[in-house]
Each structure stands twice: as C-alpha cells, then as structure tokens.
C-alpha atoms as a PDB file:
ATOM      1  CA  UNK A   1     -15.275  13.564 -10.012  1.00  0.00           C
ATOM      2  CA  UNK A   2     -12.940  10.585  -9.555  1.00  0.00           C
ATOM      3  CA  UNK A   3     -14.221   7.525  -7.743  1.00  0.00           C
ATOM      4  CA  UNK A   4     -11.411   8.197  -5.303  1.00  0.00           C
ATOM      5  CA  UNK A   5     -12.157  11.854  -4.678  1.00  0.00           C
ATOM      6  CA  UNK A   6     -14.779  11.060  -2.068  1.00  0.00           C
ATOM      7  CA  UNK A   7     -12.062   9.664   0.204  1.00  0.00           C
ATOM      8  CA  UNK A   8      -9.627  12.492  -0.423  1.00  0.00           C
ATOM      9  CA  UNK A   9      -9.646  15.824   1.366  1.00  0.00           C
ATOM     10  CA  UNK A  10      -9.420  18.353  -1.464  1.00  0.00           C
ATOM     11  CA  UNK A  11     -10.312  21.982  -2.062  1.00  0.00           C
ATOM     12  CA  UNK A  12     -10.952  21.826  -5.808  1.00  0.00           C
ATOM     13  CA  UNK A  13     -14.210  19.856  -5.752  1.00  0.00           C
ATOM     14  CA  UNK A  14     -17.013  22.251  -6.633  1.00  0.00           C
ATOM     15  CA  UNK A  15     -19.465  20.026  -4.758  1.00  0.00           C
ATOM     16  CA  UNK A  16     -17.524  20.112  -1.473  1.00  0.00           C
ATOM     17  CA  UNK A  17     -19.552  21.854   1.214  1.00  0.00           C
ATOM     18  CA  UNK A  18     -18.189  20.267   4.389  1.00  0.00           C
ATOM     19  CA  UNK A  19     -15.241  22.309   5.759  1.00  0.00           C
ATOM     20  CA  UNK A  20     -13.606  19.047   6.809  1.00  0.00           C
ATOM     21  CA  UNK A  21     -13.321  18.215   3.111  1.00  0.00           C
ATOM     22  CA  UNK A  22     -11.131  21.267   2.504  1.00  0.00           C
ATOM     23  CA  UNK A  23      -8.036  20.166   4.426  1.00  0.00           C
ATOM     24  CA  UNK A  24      -4.901  19.260   2.385  1.00  0.00           C
ATOM     25  CA  UNK A  25      -5.001  15.808   0.804  1.00  0.00           C
ATOM     26  CA  UNK A  26      -3.200  13.015   2.626  1.00  0.00           C
ATOM     27  CA  UNK A  27      -2.687  10.979  -0.533  1.00  0.00           C
ATOM     28  CA  UNK A  28      -2.204  11.432  -4.265  1.00  0.00           C
ATOM     29  CA  UNK A  29      -4.048   9.934  -7.222  1.00  0.00           C
ATOM     30  CA  UNK A  30      -2.523   9.307 -10.637  1.00  0.00           C
ATOM     31  CA  UNK A  31      -4.251   7.907 -13.697  1.00  0.00           C
ATOM     32  CA  UNK A  32      -7.495   8.393 -15.605  1.00  0.00           C
ATOM     33  CA  UNK A  33     -10.962   8.821 -14.188  1.00  0.00           C
ATOM     34  CA  UNK A  34     -12.845   6.661 -14.687  1.00  0.00           C
ATOM     35  CA  UNK A  35     -10.379   3.796 -14.900  1.00  0.00           C
ATOM     36  CA  UNK A  36     -10.390   1.862 -18.141  1.00  0.00           C
ATOM     37  CA  UNK A  37      -9.481  -1.455 -16.506  1.00  0.00           C
ATOM     38  CA  UNK A  38     -10.800  -3.122 -13.301  1.00  0.00           C
ATOM     39  CA  UNK A  39      -7.463  -2.781 -11.511  1.00  0.00           C
ATOM     40  CA  UNK A  40      -6.396  -0.351  -8.760  1.00  0.00           C
ATOM     41  CA  UNK A  41      -2.816   0.193  -7.566  1.00  0.00           C
ATOM     42  CA  UNK A  42      -1.969   1.195  -3.992  1.00  0.00           C
ATOM     43  CA  UNK A  43       1.388   2.446  -2.679  1.00  0.00           C
ATOM     44  CA  UNK A  44       0.849   3.095   1.045  1.00  0.00           C
ATOM     45  CA  UNK A  45       4.513   3.344   2.069  1.00  0.00           C
ATOM     46  CA  UNK A  46       5.996   5.622  -0.612  1.00  0.00           C
ATOM     47  CA  UNK A  47       5.205   8.874   1.207  1.00  0.00           C
ATOM     48  CA  UNK A  48       8.026  10.822   2.867  1.00  0.00           C
ATOM     49  CA  UNK A  49       6.238  13.896   4.246  1.00  0.00           C
ATOM     50  CA  UNK A  50       6.385  14.858   7.924  1.00  0.00           C
ATOM     51  CA  UNK A  51       4.476  17.560   9.757  1.00  0.00           C
ATOM     52  CA  UNK A  52       6.458  20.092  11.804  1.00  0.00           C
ATOM     53  CA  UNK A  53       4.662  18.915  14.935  1.00  0.00           C
ATOM     54  CA  UNK A  54       5.661  15.315  14.255  1.00  0.00           C
ATOM     55  CA  UNK A  55       9.334  16.209  13.781  1.00  0.00           C
ATOM     56  CA  UNK A  56       9.294  18.320  16.950  1.00  0.00           C
ATOM     57  CA  UNK A  57       8.507  15.244  19.047  1.00  0.00           C
ATOM     58  CA  UNK A  58      10.640  12.496  17.493  1.00  0.00           C
ATOM     59  CA  UNK A  59      14.150  11.628  18.616  1.00  0.00           C
ATOM     60  CA  UNK A  60      15.565  10.775  15.180  1.00  0.00           C
ATOM     61  CA  UNK A  61      16.274  12.868  12.065  1.00  0.00           C
ATOM     62  CA  UNK A  62      13.978  12.355   9.042  1.00  0.00           C
ATOM     63  CA  UNK A  63      16.638  10.444   7.116  1.00  0.00           C
ATOM     64  CA  UNK A  64      16.775   7.817   9.862  1.00  0.00           C
ATOM     65  CA  UNK A  65      13.046   7.174   9.358  1.00  0.00           C
ATOM     66  CA  UNK A  66      13.249   6.527   5.609  1.00  0.00           C
ATOM     67  CA  UNK A  67      14.015   2.772   5.967  1.00  0.00           C
ATOM     68  CA  UNK A  68      10.422   2.314   7.164  1.00  0.00           C
ATOM     69  CA  UNK A  69       9.225   3.310   3.697  1.00  0.00           C
ATOM     70  CA  UNK A  70       9.246   1.554   0.357  1.00  0.00           C
ATOM     71  CA  UNK A  71      11.166   4.175  -1.593  1.00  0.00           C
ATOM     72  CA  UNK A  72       9.905   5.799  -4.821  1.00  0.00           C
ATOM     73  CA  UNK A  73       7.428   3.080  -5.776  1.00  0.00           C
ATOM     74  CA  UNK A  74       4.868   5.746  -6.634  1.00  0.00           C
ATOM     75  CA  UNK A  75       7.205   7.177  -9.271  1.00  0.00           C
ATOM     76  CA  UNK A  76       8.155   3.733 -10.535  1.00  0.00           C
ATOM     77  CA  UNK A  77       4.559   2.720 -11.121  1.00  0.00           C
ATOM     78  CA  UNK A  78       3.253   6.091 -12.316  1.00  0.00           C
ATOM     79  CA  UNK A  79       3.728   5.007 -15.915  1.00  0.00           C
ATOM     80  CA  UNK A  80       1.619   1.905 -15.278  1.00  0.00           C
ATOM     81  CA  UNK A  81      -1.311   4.309 -15.113  1.00  0.00           C
ATOM     82  CA  UNK A  82      -0.984   4.780 -18.883  1.00  0.00           C
ATOM     83  CA  UNK A  83      -2.633   1.370 -19.163  1.00  0.00           C
ATOM     84  CA  UNK A  84      -5.821   3.029 -17.932  1.00  0.00           C
ATOM     85  CA  UNK A  85      -5.678   2.420 -14.182  1.00  0.00           C
ATOM     86  CA  UNK A  86      -5.367   4.596 -11.089  1.00  0.00           C
ATOM     87  CA  UNK A  87      -2.559   4.639  -8.534  1.00  0.00           C
ATOM     88  CA  UNK A  88      -3.314   5.722  -4.978  1.00  0.00           C
ATOM     89  CA  UNK A  89      -0.161   6.725  -3.060  1.00  0.00           C
ATOM     90  CA  UNK A  90       0.436   8.055   0.441  1.00  0.00           C
ATOM     91  CA  UNK A  91       1.950  11.479   1.024  1.00  0.00           C
ATOM     92  CA  UNK A  92       2.895  11.008   4.655  1.00  0.00           C
ATOM     93  CA  UNK A  93       5.719   8.807   5.849  1.00  0.00           C
ATOM     94  CA  UNK A  94       4.924   5.436   7.327  1.00  0.00           C
ATOM     95  CA  UNK A  95       6.562   6.780  10.503  1.00  0.00           C
ATOM     96  CA  UNK A  96       3.608   9.164  10.909  1.00  0.00           C
ATOM     97  CA  UNK A  97       0.966   6.476  10.439  1.00  0.00           C
ATOM     98  CA  UNK A  98       1.125   3.045   8.821  1.00  0.00           C
ATOM     99  CA  UNK A  99      -1.736   2.622   6.371  1.00  0.00           C
ATOM    100  CA  UNK A 100      -1.059  -1.117   6.224  1.00  0.00           C
ATOM    101  CA  UNK A 101      -1.967  -1.697   9.866  1.00  0.00           C
ATOM    102  CA  UNK A 102      -5.345  -1.818  11.583  1.00  0.00           C
ATOM    103  CA  UNK A 103      -6.227   1.492  13.273  1.00  0.00           C
ATOM    104  CA  UNK A 104      -6.140  -0.104  16.732  1.00  0.00           C
ATOM    105  CA  UNK A 105      -2.739  -1.807  16.375  1.00  0.00           C
ATOM    106  CA  UNK A 106      -0.711   0.248  18.847  1.00  0.00           C
ATOM    107  CA  UNK A 107       1.155  -0.465  22.070  1.00  0.00           C
ATOM    108  CA  UNK A 108      -0.287   1.038  25.285  1.00  0.00           C
ATOM    109  CA  UNK A 109       3.131   2.396  26.276  1.00  0.00           C
ATOM    110  CA  UNK A 110       3.053   4.670  23.211  1.00  0.00           C
ATOM    111  CA  UNK A 111      -0.023   6.575  24.449  1.00  0.00           C
ATOM    112  CA  UNK A 112      -0.482   9.082  27.260  1.00  0.00           C
ATOM    113  CA  UNK A 113      -3.859   7.614  28.236  1.00  0.00           C
ATOM    114  CA  UNK A 114      -4.075   4.117  26.727  1.00  0.00           C
ATOM    115  CA  UNK A 115      -7.248   3.338  28.669  1.00  0.00           C
ATOM    116  CA  UNK A 116      -9.084   5.859  26.475  1.00  0.00           C
ATOM    117  CA  UNK A 117      -8.346   3.904  23.294  1.00  0.00           C
ATOM    118  CA  UNK A 118      -9.293   0.380  22.277  1.00  0.00           C
ATOM    119  CA  UNK A 119      -6.016  -1.397  21.541  1.00  0.00           C
ATOM    120  CA  UNK A 120      -5.085  -4.617  19.782  1.00  0.00           C
ATOM    121  CA  UNK A 121      -1.655  -6.051  20.524  1.00  0.00           C
ATOM    122  CA  UNK A 122      -0.319  -8.036  17.571  1.00  0.00           C
ATOM    123  CA  UNK A 123       3.090  -9.462  16.755  1.00  0.00           C
ATOM    124  CA  UNK A 124       3.785  -6.401  14.591  1.00  0.00           C
ATOM    125  CA  UNK A 125       2.993  -4.146  17.553  1.00  0.00           C
ATOM    126  CA  UNK A 126       5.393  -6.122  19.747  1.00  0.00           C
ATOM    127  CA  UNK A 127       8.090  -5.541  17.123  1.00  0.00           C
ATOM    128  CA  UNK A 128       7.448  -1.809  17.212  1.00  0.00           C
ATOM    129  CA  UNK A 129       5.691  -1.803  13.854  1.00  0.00           C
ATOM    130  CA  UNK A 130       2.090  -0.970  14.703  1.00  0.00           C
ATOM    131  CA  UNK A 131      -0.128   1.667  13.128  1.00  0.00           C
ATOM    132  CA  UNK A 132       2.247   4.280  14.564  1.00  0.00           C
ATOM    133  CA  UNK A 133       5.690   2.659  14.432  1.00  0.00           C
ATOM    134  CA  UNK A 134       7.706   2.855  17.624  1.00  0.00           C
ATOM    135  CA  UNK A 135      11.024   1.647  16.243  1.00  0.00           C
ATOM    136  CA  UNK A 136      13.104   1.742  13.080  1.00  0.00           C
ATOM    137  CA  UNK A 137      16.097  -0.564  12.687  1.00  0.00           C
ATOM    138  CA  UNK A 138      15.969  -1.210  16.430  1.00  0.00           C
ATOM    139  CA  UNK A 139      16.042   2.488  17.364  1.00  0.00           C
ATOM    140  CA  UNK A 140      13.258   4.178  19.342  1.00  0.00           C
ATOM    141  CA  UNK A 141      11.496   6.792  17.212  1.00  0.00           C
ATOM    142  CA  UNK A 142       9.873   8.774  20.023  1.00  0.00           C
ATOM    143  CA  UNK A 143      10.447   8.502  23.757  1.00  0.00           C
ATOM    144  CA  UNK A 144       7.596  10.769  24.817  1.00  0.00           C
ATOM    145  CA  UNK A 145       4.069   9.391  24.702  1.00  0.00           C
ATOM    146  CA  UNK A 146       1.488  10.376  22.096  1.00  0.00           C
ATOM    147  CA  UNK A 147      -1.693  12.116  23.190  1.00  0.00           C
ATOM    148  CA  UNK A 148      -4.944  10.381  22.303  1.00  0.00           C
ATOM    149  CA  UNK A 149      -5.948  13.522  20.419  1.00  0.00           C
ATOM    150  CA  UNK A 150      -2.852  13.296  18.220  1.00  0.00           C
ATOM    151  CA  UNK A 151      -3.384   9.564  17.711  1.00  0.00           C
ATOM    152  CA  UNK A 152      -7.026   9.944  16.703  1.00  0.00           C
ATOM    153  CA  UNK A 153      -6.176  12.862  14.427  1.00  0.00           C
ATOM    154  CA  UNK A 154      -3.671  10.759  12.484  1.00  0.00           C
ATOM    155  CA  UNK A 155      -6.210   7.969  12.102  1.00  0.00           C
ATOM    156  CA  UNK A 156      -9.073  10.293  11.129  1.00  0.00           C
ATOM    157  CA  UNK A 157      -7.182  12.517   8.676  1.00  0.00           C
ATOM    158  CA  UNK A 158      -4.646  10.139   7.103  1.00  0.00           C
ATOM    159  CA  UNK A 159      -5.486   6.475   7.737  1.00  0.00           C
ATOM    160  CA  UNK A 160      -9.278   6.444   7.386  1.00  0.00           C
ATOM    161  CA  UNK A 161      -9.467   8.575   4.189  1.00  0.00           C
ATOM    162  CA  UNK A 162      -7.010   6.264   2.424  1.00  0.00           C
ATOM    163  CA  UNK A 163      -9.110   3.195   3.117  1.00  0.00           C
ATOM    164  CA  UNK A 164     -12.328   5.009   2.274  1.00  0.00           C
ATOM    165  CA  UNK A 165     -10.762   5.904  -1.062  1.00  0.00           C
ATOM    166  CA  UNK A 166      -9.871   2.280  -1.760  1.00  0.00           C
ATOM    167  CA  UNK A 167     -13.369   1.159  -0.769  1.00  0.00           C
ATOM    168  CA  UNK A 168     -15.062   3.624  -3.091  1.00  0.00           C
ATOM    169  CA  UNK A 169     -12.732   2.957  -6.007  1.00  0.00           C
ATOM    170  CA  UNK A 170     -13.183  -0.812  -5.760  1.00  0.00           C
ATOM    171  CA  UNK A 171     -16.958  -0.445  -5.412  1.00  0.00           C
ATOM    172  CA  UNK A 172     -17.025   1.618  -8.598  1.00  0.00           C
ATOM    173  CA  UNK A 173     -14.928  -0.945 -10.479  1.00  0.00           C
ATOM    174  CA  UNK A 174     -17.041  -3.862  -9.253  1.00  0.00           C
ATOM    175  CA  UNK A 175     -20.189  -2.057 -10.348  1.00  0.00           C
ATOM    176  CA  UNK A 176     -18.769  -1.534 -13.841  1.00  0.00           C
ATOM    177  CA  UNK A 177     -16.831  -4.765 -14.386  1.00  0.00           C
ATOM    178  CA  UNK A 178     -18.259  -7.304 -11.916  1.00  0.00           C
ATOM    179  CA  UNK A 179     -14.887  -7.848 -10.222  1.00  0.00           C
ATOM    180  CA  UNK A 180     -11.896  -5.680  -9.285  1.00  0.00           C
ATOM    181  CA  UNK A 181      -8.259  -6.338  -8.433  1.00  0.00           C
ATOM    182  CA  UNK A 182      -6.314  -4.263  -5.901  1.00  0.00           C
ATOM    183  CA  UNK A 183      -2.533  -4.512  -6.278  1.00  0.00           C
ATOM    184  CA  UNK A 184      -0.993  -3.322  -3.013  1.00  0.00           C
ATOM    185  CA  UNK A 185       2.585  -2.394  -3.886  1.00  0.00           C
ATOM    186  CA  UNK A 186       5.535  -2.661  -1.490  1.00  0.00           C
ATOM    187  CA  UNK A 187       9.291  -3.240  -1.514  1.00  0.00           C
ATOM    188  CA  UNK A 188      11.633  -5.333   0.616  1.00  0.00           C
ATOM    189  CA  UNK A 189      15.292  -4.747   1.522  1.00  0.00           C
ATOM    190  CA  UNK A 190      17.708  -6.516  -0.799  1.00  0.00           C
ATOM    191  CA  UNK A 191      19.257  -9.650   0.633  1.00  0.00           C
ATOM    192  CA  UNK A 192      16.575 -10.019   3.287  1.00  0.00           C
ATOM    193  CA  UNK A 193      14.589 -12.840   1.673  1.00  0.00           C
ATOM    194  CA  UNK A 194      16.090 -15.930   0.081  1.00  0.00           C
ATOM    195  CA  UNK A 195      15.015 -19.482  -0.676  1.00  0.00           C
ATOM    196  CA  UNK A 196      17.207 -22.424  -1.525  1.00  0.00           C
ATOM    197  CA  UNK A 197      20.261 -20.197  -1.496  1.00  0.00           C
ATOM    198  CA  UNK A 198      18.778 -17.820  -4.066  1.00  0.00           C
ATOM    199  CA  UNK A 199      17.631 -14.254  -3.474  1.00  0.00           C
ATOM    200  CA  UNK A 200      13.880 -13.848  -3.865  1.00  0.00           C
ATOM    201  CA  UNK A 201      12.902 -11.091  -6.309  1.00  0.00           C
ATOM    202  CA  UNK A 202       9.158 -10.894  -5.694  1.00  0.00           C
ATOM    203  CA  UNK A 203       6.857 -12.051  -2.902  1.00  0.00           C
ATOM    204  CA  UNK A 204       3.134 -12.217  -3.635  1.00  0.00           C
ATOM    205  CA  UNK A 205       0.730 -12.226  -0.692  1.00  0.00           C
ATOM    206  CA  UNK A 206      -2.910 -13.276  -0.903  1.00  0.00           C
ATOM    207  CA  UNK A 207      -3.505 -13.830   2.832  1.00  0.00           C
ATOM    208  CA  UNK A 208      -2.749 -17.518   2.298  1.00  0.00           C
ATOM    209  CA  UNK A 209      -5.446 -17.952  -0.317  1.00  0.00           C
ATOM    210  CA  UNK A 210      -8.090 -15.750   1.298  1.00  0.00           C
ATOM    211  CA  UNK A 211      -7.827 -12.311  -0.332  1.00  0.00           C
ATOM    212  CA  UNK A 212      -7.722 -12.899  -4.088  1.00  0.00           C
ATOM    213  CA  UNK A 213      -9.153 -15.065  -6.834  1.00  0.00           C
ATOM    214  CA  UNK A 214      -6.635 -17.925  -7.361  1.00  0.00           C
ATOM    215  CA  UNK A 215      -6.609 -17.380 -11.136  1.00  0.00           C
ATOM    216  CA  UNK A 216      -5.505 -13.773 -10.668  1.00  0.00           C
ATOM    217  CA  UNK A 217      -2.798 -14.808  -8.203  1.00  0.00           C
ATOM    218  CA  UNK A 218      -1.517 -17.409 -10.655  1.00  0.00           C
ATOM    219  CA  UNK A 219      -1.551 -14.840 -13.440  1.00  0.00           C
ATOM    220  CA  UNK A 220       0.565 -12.468 -11.336  1.00  0.00           C
ATOM    221  CA  UNK A 221       3.010 -15.248 -10.501  1.00  0.00           C
ATOM    222  CA  UNK A 222       3.397 -16.132 -14.178  1.00  0.00           C
ATOM    223  CA  UNK A 223       3.855 -12.507 -15.250  1.00  0.00           C
ATOM    224  CA  UNK A 224       6.830 -12.082 -12.920  1.00  0.00           C
ATOM    225  CA  UNK A 225       8.249 -15.563 -13.551  1.00  0.00           C
ATOM    226  CA  UNK A 226       8.040 -15.119 -17.328  1.00  0.00           C
ATOM    227  CA  UNK A 227      10.203 -12.010 -16.900  1.00  0.00           C
ATOM    228  CA  UNK A 228      12.900 -14.159 -15.292  1.00  0.00           C
ATOM    229  CA  UNK A 229      12.129 -13.156 -11.710  1.00  0.00           C
ATOM    230  CA  UNK A 230      12.202 -15.558  -8.751  1.00  0.00           C
ATOM    231  CA  UNK A 231       8.765 -15.472  -7.124  1.00  0.00           C
ATOM    232  CA  UNK A 232       7.502 -16.767  -3.791  1.00  0.00           C
ATOM    233  CA  UNK A 233       3.912 -16.862  -2.535  1.00  0.00           C
ATOM    234  CA  UNK A 234       3.034 -15.788   1.031  1.00  0.00           C
ATOM    235  CA  UNK A 235       6.549 -16.466   2.338  1.00  0.00           C
ATOM    236  CA  UNK A 236       7.488 -14.482   4.315  1.00  0.00           C
ATOM    237  CA  UNK A 237       4.890 -11.810   3.450  1.00  0.00           C
ATOM    238  CA  UNK A 238       1.302 -13.038   3.239  1.00  0.00           C
ATOM    239  CA  UNK A 239      -0.243  -9.578   3.062  1.00  0.00           C
ATOM    240  CA  UNK A 240      -0.988  -6.889   5.620  1.00  0.00           C
ATOM    241  CA  UNK A 241      -4.055  -4.975   6.739  1.00  0.00           C
ATOM    242  CA  UNK A 242      -4.790  -3.540   3.288  1.00  0.00           C
ATOM    243  CA  UNK A 243      -4.872  -6.948   1.634  1.00  0.00           C
ATOM    244  CA  UNK A 244      -7.026  -8.489   4.342  1.00  0.00           C
ATOM    245  CA  UNK A 245      -9.278  -5.462   4.763  1.00  0.00           C
ATOM    246  CA  UNK A 246     -10.100  -5.045   1.080  1.00  0.00           C
ATOM    247  CA  UNK A 247      -9.674  -8.523  -0.380  1.00  0.00           C
ATOM    248  CA  UNK A 248     -12.993 -10.396  -0.519  1.00  0.00           C
ATOM    249  CA  UNK A 249     -13.128 -12.425  -3.757  1.00  0.00           C
ATOM    250  CA  UNK A 250     -16.639 -13.704  -3.081  1.00  0.00           C
ATOM    251  CA  UNK A 251     -17.785 -10.069  -3.028  1.00  0.00           C
ATOM    252  CA  UNK A 252     -16.011  -9.247  -6.276  1.00  0.00           C
ATOM    253  CA  UNK A 253     -12.900  -7.756  -4.671  1.00  0.00           C
ATOM    254  CA  UNK A 254      -9.500  -9.392  -5.013  1.00  0.00           C
ATOM    255  CA  UNK A 255      -6.467  -7.921  -3.249  1.00  0.00           C
ATOM    256  CA  UNK A 256      -2.885  -9.017  -3.814  1.00  0.00           C
ATOM    257  CA  UNK A 257       0.188  -7.666  -2.033  1.00  0.00           C
ATOM    258  CA  UNK A 258       3.323  -7.371  -4.168  1.00  0.00           C
ATOM    259  CA  UNK A 259       6.750  -7.050  -2.522  1.00  0.00           C
ATOM    260  CA  UNK A 260       9.684  -6.450  -4.873  1.00  0.00           C
ATOM    261  CA  UNK A 261      13.381  -6.443  -4.017  1.00  0.00           C
ATOM    262  CA  UNK A 262      14.595  -2.868  -3.724  1.00  0.00           C
ATOM    263  CA  UNK A 263      17.800  -3.181  -5.713  1.00  0.00           C
ATOM    264  CA  UNK A 264      15.667  -4.151  -8.710  1.00  0.00           C
ATOM    265  CA  UNK A 265      14.399  -0.572  -8.995  1.00  0.00           C
ATOM    266  CA  UNK A 266      16.195   1.788  -6.586  1.00  0.00           C
ATOM    267  CA  UNK A 267      19.521   2.755  -5.049  1.00  0.00           C
ATOM    268  CA  UNK A 268      19.032   1.850  -1.402  1.00  0.00           C
ATOM    269  CA  UNK A 269      21.455   4.531  -0.191  1.00  0.00           C
ATOM    270  CA  UNK A 270      20.239   7.526  -2.187  1.00  0.00           C
ATOM    271  CA  UNK A 271      16.694   6.133  -2.514  1.00  0.00           C
ATOM    272  CA  UNK A 272      16.643   7.231  -6.150  1.00  0.00           C
ATOM    273  CA  UNK A 273      15.192   5.217  -9.009  1.00  0.00           C
ATOM    274  CA  UNK A 274      17.635   3.124 -11.039  1.00  0.00           C
ATOM    275  CA  UNK A 275      17.425   2.565 -14.781  1.00  0.00           C
ATOM    276  CA  UNK A 276      16.805  -1.138 -14.160  1.00  0.00           C
ATOM    277  CA  UNK A 277      13.447  -0.188 -12.648  1.00  0.00           C
ATOM    278  CA  UNK A 278      12.068   0.022 -16.176  1.00  0.00           C
ATOM    279  CA  UNK A 279      11.956  -3.774 -16.157  1.00  0.00           C
ATOM    280  CA  UNK A 280       9.725  -3.892 -13.090  1.00  0.00           C
ATOM    281  CA  UNK A 281       7.413  -1.219 -14.468  1.00  0.00           C
ATOM    282  CA  UNK A 282       7.138  -3.200 -17.694  1.00  0.00           C
ATOM    283  CA  UNK A 283       6.131  -6.360 -15.815  1.00  0.00           C
ATOM    284  CA  UNK A 284       3.522  -4.434 -13.828  1.00  0.00           C
ATOM    285  CA  UNK A 285       2.083  -2.973 -17.024  1.00  0.00           C
ATOM    286  CA  UNK A 286       1.846  -6.490 -18.452  1.00  0.00           C
ATOM    287  CA  UNK A 287       0.144  -7.743 -15.284  1.00  0.00           C
ATOM    288  CA  UNK A 288      -2.360  -4.885 -15.289  1.00  0.00           C
ATOM    289  CA  UNK A 289      -3.249  -5.472 -18.951  1.00  0.00           C
ATOM    290  CA  UNK A 290      -3.635  -9.225 -18.597  1.00  0.00           C
ATOM    291  CA  UNK A 291      -5.558  -9.037 -15.316  1.00  0.00           C
ATOM    292  CA  UNK A 292      -7.874  -6.448 -16.839  1.00  0.00           C
ATOM    293  CA  UNK A 293      -8.567  -8.690 -19.828  1.00  0.00           C
ATOM    294  CA  UNK A 294      -9.101 -11.714 -17.594  1.00  0.00           C
ATOM    295  CA  UNK A 295     -11.643  -9.922 -15.409  1.00  0.00           C
ATOM    296  CA  UNK A 296     -13.427  -8.187 -18.277  1.00  0.00           C
ATOM    297  CA  UNK A 297     -13.621 -11.480 -20.142  1.00  0.00           C
ATOM    298  CA  UNK A 298     -14.986 -13.345 -17.133  1.00  0.00           C
ATOM    299  CA  UNK A 299     -12.172 -15.888 -17.337  1.00  0.00           C
ATOM    300  CA  UNK A 300     -10.979 -15.898 -13.731  1.00  0.00           C
ATOM    301  CA  UNK A 301     -11.927 -19.526 -13.312  1.00  0.00           C
ATOM    302  CA  UNK A 302      -9.704 -20.669 -16.179  1.00  0.00           C
ATOM    303  CA  UNK A 303      -6.112 -20.159 -17.239  1.00  0.00           C
ATOM    304  CA  UNK A 304      -5.577 -16.998 -19.263  1.00  0.00           C
ATOM    305  CA  UNK A 305      -2.589 -15.972 -21.319  1.00  0.00           C
END
C-alpha cells in the first residue's frame, strides 16, 4: 500500500475495514510506490470537480470559478513522476475548499452559526480567500450562508485527508532518507508579478527562510535560473498553509512553494496545456533529480551541482 493511501479514502484497499474509508477519494496520486527519491509533489489547486449540492447553492457558473485554480498543473507535472516521485493532486475545485488555507480561516458572515465554529480572521479571509473562498475576481460566489455541518464535512472529507496524506508520505520519506522535500506547486496569472520592469517567471516561497533547508532553496533557484527563467524568492508569495504546516527543516521536512507564470505552460482562456509547458516540466524533473541526489548524499549543507 502506498505511503499516501492511509490519507486517501479508497475502496480498493483490502485492509480497509472502516466504512468511512470507502468513500470516493478526494485526491489523486501519481507515481511509484514507494518513491525512489525523497521528494513529494503537491498540486492542491488543480482540481476542477464540484458536487451537485455545491453547484446548487452558488451564484456563479462553474466556468466563473476556474480562475481560483491553478489550471492543469497536475497534468503538466505528471511526467515528473517518471523520476521516481509521487504527485498528490486535488480533485475538488479550490472553490469547494482551499487546501492551502488553515481549516479555521473563514469569515463569520459565511456561516449560518459562526459561534459554533472556532474562526481565525486573516488577511486572506478579509480578501474573500479563506478556506472556503467567498469571492472570485471580486464577485461573490455564494450569497446564502453555509451550514456548520456542510463546512465541517468539507474539512473532514477533503481538507484533512489531503494533509494527512502529506504527513504520512513525508514521514515515510524521512524514515528512509533522513530528510524529505515537499514541492508545493502553484501557478500565477501572467502579467501579475513583475520586478524592475520585467515579468517574473517563477516565485519560490520558503516562508521567509523558515520552511526549507537553505541549500535546497538555493538549488531550486539555480535550476530555474539556469533554464533562463527570472526567479524571485518570497516576493510576493512566501508560501501558504501547506508550506508552513509541513515545512520543518529541523525535523527533516523541507517544504518549498513554487509559483510559475501561467502563460509558460497553459492557455489562460481555454485552460489547456501549451507545448511550451514541456520546458517547465523539464526544469522540474531536473530539480527533482538534483534535490534527490543532494538529500540522499547528505550534502544539504554545501553547494551541489
């Protein structure tokens, strides 16, 4: 059984005896089990599935919700798994539940009985981008309030299993290799981020030096820069909940968020992959190989080629 299977609700596991483990999976896993390298890929915003109940209560058509997502990153990076690593990707749209937010990041005005839930109001929540997004491109997603039962169900069946899966996968890699690297993969709208008059191609986020071994961060920066890409660190994206929740270098777990410009791999209107995406997949394969060698060789504290 895959190291990730324990966090996934599946019906094919012969050892599954808990009925709760038989519900449809909320995420997909690609790649070999066990992984051959101490690297795990995560794509929490590539899902585009909606439940009928969700669509019955929102005020926008599904297509209007797609800008919340990262596009087909899961398909772009599927071939990276041939390097011997696993890719964990969400099935449900970010509009249903945002896996890159803390489970208590929600505005009280979104809930029927907010007093029944412990809430944490952050800047993202104020912008309408909490664990259940309230807005997309300035438009209200749902005017009616969400029941606490619905809210808890989304957290328990979609959000929590994803993070449990990451936890278990990283624990397995740390046990085998001594250290593990989580690459949390995202995309950013083209033209949104620039520096010095130049469009930024890639933004790496390590929670401002807190979530990943510096040698691994530098390796990632060099991999993208050597491919001719303009890279920024922590500006304007320093990493979200996934990076901060799972990145603890002192405990053998590094987590690095990677934001790539969307026109480098997809058509932003049709949301289909473009041929130029091969370049980005190639860089990610190079990063995975080199990071795997660095960790396996115990060379995180020194420069590695």
